[in-house]
């Protein structure tokens, strides 16, 4: 906040924002990013093998696996049996 002294000796507030420091900081950041951006891209030659597998077709209908509150599983409309201690509720 600044004050302006007029001829009649009254102090009036000066309501202007000095944006010069803000513009200076933005220009410095712009230069830093312009210099750093090309350095961030690294070209590494990678020799990947070619894929020989054929992609599988996607099914028309999705497969839904539902976990109920009582920890029972349903695959589509078919309930799934308990798989034992490793796969069931315990």
Protein backbone atom coordinates (compact mmCIF):
# COMPACT_ATOMS: atom_id res chain seq x y z
CA UNK A 1 0.00 0.00 0.00
CA UNK A 2 1.39 3.35 -0.92
CA UNK A 3 0.52 6.91 -0.10
CA UNK A 4 0.43 9.90 -2.31
CA UNK A 5 1.10 13.36 -0.94
CA UNK A 6 -0.98 16.04 -2.59
CA UNK A 7 -0.51 19.76 -2.39
CA UNK A 8 -3.10 20.08 0.38
CA UNK A 9 -1.07 17.78 2.71
CA UNK A 10 -3.67 14.98 2.81
CA UNK A 11 -2.51 11.37 2.63
CA UNK A 12 -4.53 9.42 0.11
CA UNK A 13 -4.15 5.69 -0.37
CA UNK A 14 -2.73 4.55 -3.64
CA UNK A 15 -4.62 1.47 -4.87
CA UNK A 16 -2.45 0.15 -7.68
CA UNK A 17 -0.65 -3.17 -7.72
CA UNK A 18 2.94 -3.19 -8.89
CA UNK A 19 3.07 -6.15 -11.29
CA UNK A 20 6.64 -5.58 -12.48
CA UNK A 21 8.22 -8.07 -9.99
CA UNK A 22 5.58 -10.65 -10.92
CA UNK A 23 6.34 -10.26 -14.64
CA UNK A 24 10.08 -10.52 -13.95
CA UNK A 25 9.61 -13.79 -12.05
CA UNK A 26 7.38 -15.20 -14.81
CA UNK A 27 9.94 -14.34 -17.49
CA UNK A 28 12.75 -15.99 -15.51
CA UNK A 29 10.61 -19.12 -15.04
CA UNK A 30 9.78 -19.15 -18.75
CA UNK A 31 13.46 -19.04 -19.66
CA UNK A 32 14.26 -21.80 -17.16
CA UNK A 33 11.55 -24.06 -18.58
CA UNK A 34 12.56 -23.30 -22.16
CA UNK A 35 16.14 -24.36 -21.38
CA UNK A 36 15.19 -27.38 -19.22
CA UNK A 37 12.51 -28.87 -21.52
CA UNK A 38 14.89 -30.07 -24.27
CA UNK A 39 17.23 -31.49 -21.64
CA UNK A 40 14.41 -33.54 -20.09
CA UNK A 41 13.81 -35.54 -23.27
CA UNK A 42 16.34 -38.35 -23.53
CA UNK A 43 16.53 -40.43 -26.67
CA UNK A 44 17.51 -44.01 -25.87
CA UNK A 45 17.59 -46.55 -28.66
CA UNK A 46 15.68 -49.64 -27.53
CA UNK A 47 15.60 -52.78 -29.66
CA UNK A 48 12.31 -54.49 -28.77
CA UNK A 49 11.39 -57.93 -30.10
CA UNK A 50 8.49 -58.20 -32.52
CA UNK A 51 5.29 -59.75 -31.18
CA UNK A 52 4.33 -63.05 -32.81
CA UNK A 53 1.08 -63.68 -30.91
CA UNK A 54 -2.26 -62.82 -32.42
CA UNK A 55 -4.58 -60.75 -30.25
CA UNK A 56 -7.62 -62.56 -28.89
CA UNK A 57 -11.11 -61.40 -29.69
CA UNK A 58 -13.01 -59.60 -26.96
CA UNK A 59 -16.18 -61.32 -25.78
CA UNK A 60 -19.48 -59.68 -26.67
CA UNK A 61 -20.81 -59.85 -23.10
CA UNK A 62 -18.73 -58.84 -20.07
CA UNK A 63 -17.98 -61.38 -17.35
CA UNK A 64 -19.24 -60.22 -13.93
CA UNK A 65 -17.79 -61.46 -10.63
CA UNK A 66 -19.92 -60.39 -7.65
CA UNK A 67 -18.87 -60.46 -4.00
CA UNK A 68 -21.87 -60.40 -1.66
CA UNK A 69 -21.99 -59.18 1.95
CA UNK A 70 -21.83 -62.77 3.23
CA UNK A 71 -18.55 -63.27 1.27
CA UNK A 72 -20.17 -65.50 -1.35
CA UNK A 73 -19.01 -65.23 -4.95
CA UNK A 74 -21.17 -65.29 -8.05
CA UNK A 75 -19.67 -65.58 -11.54
CA UNK A 76 -22.29 -64.20 -13.90
CA UNK A 77 -25.46 -65.91 -12.67
CA UNK A 78 -23.67 -69.03 -11.33
CA UNK A 79 -22.66 -69.20 -7.63
CA UNK A 80 -19.02 -70.19 -7.08
CA UNK A 81 -18.32 -72.90 -4.51
CA UNK A 82 -16.02 -72.22 -1.55
CA UNK A 83 -12.42 -72.89 -2.54
CA UNK A 84 -11.27 -74.02 0.91
CA UNK A 85 -9.22 -72.22 3.57
CA UNK A 86 -7.04 -70.37 1.07
CA UNK A 87 -9.87 -69.09 -1.10
CA UNK A 88 -12.90 -68.87 1.15
CA UNK A 89 -14.06 -66.78 4.05
CA UNK A 90 -12.28 -67.51 7.19
